[in-house]
Amino acid sequence: MSESETPRPRVIAILVVVAVTAIGYALLAGGATAQLVAGGVVMLGAAALGILKGLRRPSTVSLVGALALLAGGSYGVALASAGQDPFTDNVVLGLLVLGLVIGLFDSPDEKSAEDADADDAAEE
């Protein structure tokens, strides 16, 4: 693992935590209930985990799933804070769970760079 790869996931994780915290405080300041804020933080936190997983073991499916989860989480928070009906919130929640499953449990469709390097060395 090179030096340029090591800090990147940590930096992204820190930025996501800061963003989620800011969103939580903004929702509270806007009059949203603590339950809505907690739900939004959980959704965006799950998106962060999916993205970090996708960055560590990249595959097209996991990255797309994680990005969809992040977008769905943001949209879900917006809907909840706007007081949308429970049916809409449940649909968003269902999409988020699907995105979480894709982002966290998808196996990579390609070998990691280290595995590919080891295979190349073995062939030589």
Protein backbone atom coordinates (compact mmCIF):
# COMPACT_ATOMS: atom_id res chain seq x y z
CA MET A 1 0.00 0.00 0.00
CA SER A 2 1.53 3.31 -0.99
CA GLU A 3 1.58 6.41 1.17
CA SER A 4 -0.94 8.21 -1.04
CA GLU A 5 -3.55 5.44 -0.53
CA THR A 6 -3.36 5.26 3.28
CA PRO A 7 -4.82 8.62 4.41
CA ARG A 8 -7.54 8.87 1.77
CA PRO A 9 -10.22 6.67 3.47
CA ARG A 10 -9.51 8.36 6.82
CA VAL A 11 -9.86 11.82 5.31
CA ILE A 12 -13.13 10.82 3.66
CA ALA A 13 -14.41 9.30 6.92
CA ILE A 14 -13.56 12.49 8.84
CA LEU A 15 -15.27 14.67 6.24
CA VAL A 16 -18.39 12.47 6.32
CA VAL A 17 -18.54 12.61 10.12
CA VAL A 18 -18.25 16.42 10.02
CA ALA A 19 -20.94 16.63 7.34
CA VAL A 20 -23.30 14.30 9.21
CA THR A 21 -22.82 16.28 12.43
CA ALA A 22 -23.51 19.55 10.61
CA ILE A 23 -26.66 18.11 9.04
CA GLY A 24 -27.83 16.88 12.46
CA TYR A 25 -27.40 20.30 14.05
CA ALA A 26 -29.07 22.00 11.08
CA LEU A 27 -32.09 19.71 11.41
CA LEU A 28 -32.34 20.36 15.14
CA ALA A 29 -32.04 24.11 14.58
CA GLY A 30 -34.79 23.87 11.95
CA GLY A 31 -37.17 22.35 14.48
CA ALA A 32 -36.85 18.69 13.50
CA THR A 33 -37.22 16.16 16.28
CA ALA A 34 -34.27 14.30 17.72
CA GLN A 35 -35.72 11.10 16.22
CA LEU A 36 -35.54 12.54 12.69
CA VAL A 37 -31.99 13.73 13.30
CA ALA A 38 -30.95 10.31 14.61
CA GLY A 39 -32.53 8.62 11.59
CA GLY A 40 -30.71 10.94 9.20
CA VAL A 41 -27.38 10.40 10.95
CA VAL A 42 -27.85 6.62 10.80
CA MET A 43 -28.70 6.75 7.10
CA LEU A 44 -25.74 8.93 6.18
CA GLY A 45 -23.43 6.97 8.47
CA ALA A 46 -24.46 3.77 6.69
CA ALA A 47 -23.71 5.50 3.40
CA ALA A 48 -20.26 6.42 4.67
CA LEU A 49 -19.56 2.80 5.60
CA GLY A 50 -20.69 1.63 2.18
CA ILE A 51 -18.48 4.18 0.43
CA LEU A 52 -15.44 3.32 2.54
CA LYS A 53 -16.00 -0.38 1.86
CA GLY A 54 -16.32 0.34 -1.84
CA LEU A 55 -13.09 2.36 -1.85
CA ARG A 56 -11.15 -0.36 -0.03
CA ARG A 57 -12.39 -3.23 -2.20
CA PRO A 58 -13.63 -1.55 -5.33
CA SER A 59 -16.23 -3.07 -7.56
CA THR A 60 -18.64 -1.27 -9.82
CA VAL A 61 -21.67 -2.61 -7.96
CA SER A 62 -20.43 -1.67 -4.48
CA LEU A 63 -19.43 1.86 -5.51
CA VAL A 64 -22.71 2.49 -7.32
CA GLY A 65 -24.65 1.02 -4.38
CA ALA A 66 -22.80 3.18 -1.89
CA LEU A 67 -23.25 6.38 -3.90
CA ALA A 68 -26.94 5.60 -4.36
CA LEU A 69 -27.17 5.07 -0.61
CA LEU A 70 -25.57 8.45 0.08
CA ALA A 71 -27.96 10.18 -2.33
CA GLY A 72 -30.92 8.29 -0.87
CA GLY A 73 -29.85 9.16 2.66
CA SER A 74 -29.64 12.86 1.86
CA TYR A 75 -33.01 12.73 0.10
CA GLY A 76 -34.55 10.80 2.98
CA VAL A 77 -33.34 13.38 5.49
CA ALA A 78 -34.79 16.16 3.34
CA LEU A 79 -38.15 14.37 3.08
CA ALA A 80 -38.29 13.64 6.80
CA SER A 81 -37.45 17.21 7.76
CA ALA A 82 -40.12 18.49 5.34
CA GLY A 83 -42.73 16.32 7.10
CA GLN A 84 -43.57 14.02 4.19
CA ASP A 85 -46.05 11.22 4.70
CA PRO A 86 -44.84 7.94 6.28
CA PHE A 87 -45.32 5.96 3.06
CA THR A 88 -42.74 8.09 1.24
CA ASP A 89 -40.35 7.78 4.17
CA ASN A 90 -40.78 3.98 4.17
CA VAL A 91 -40.01 3.77 0.43
CA VAL A 92 -36.85 5.82 0.96
CA LEU A 93 -35.90 3.63 3.91
CA GLY A 94 -36.37 0.49 1.79
CA LEU A 95 -34.10 1.89 -0.91
CA LEU A 96 -31.52 2.79 1.72
CA VAL A 97 -31.52 -0.74 3.13
CA LEU A 98 -31.07 -2.13 -0.38
CA GLY A 99 -28.20 0.28 -1.03
CA LEU A 100 -26.62 -0.65 2.30
CA VAL A 101 -26.75 -4.35 1.46
CA ILE A 102 -25.20 -3.71 -1.95
CA GLY A 103 -22.53 -1.38 -0.58
CA LEU A 104 -21.47 -3.49 2.38
CA PHE A 105 -21.89 -7.08 1.27
CA ASP A 106 -21.08 -7.06 -2.44
CA SER A 107 -17.95 -9.01 -3.30
CA PRO A 108 -15.46 -7.28 -5.62
CA ASP A 109 -15.73 -8.19 -9.28
CA GLU A 110 -11.98 -7.80 -9.79
CA LYS A 111 -8.92 -8.91 -7.88
CA SER A 112 -7.28 -6.33 -5.65
CA ALA A 113 -4.11 -4.64 -6.91
CA GLU A 114 -2.00 -6.64 -4.45
CA ASP A 115 -3.46 -9.95 -5.67
CA ALA A 116 -2.87 -8.95 -9.29
CA ASP A 117 0.76 -8.00 -8.51
CA ALA A 118 1.30 -11.34 -6.76
CA ASP A 119 -0.13 -13.22 -9.75
CA ASP A 120 2.12 -11.28 -12.14
CA ALA A 121 5.18 -12.06 -10.03
CA ALA A 122 4.26 -15.76 -9.90
CA GLU A 123 3.92 -15.92 -13.68
CA GLU A 124 7.40 -14.44 -14.19
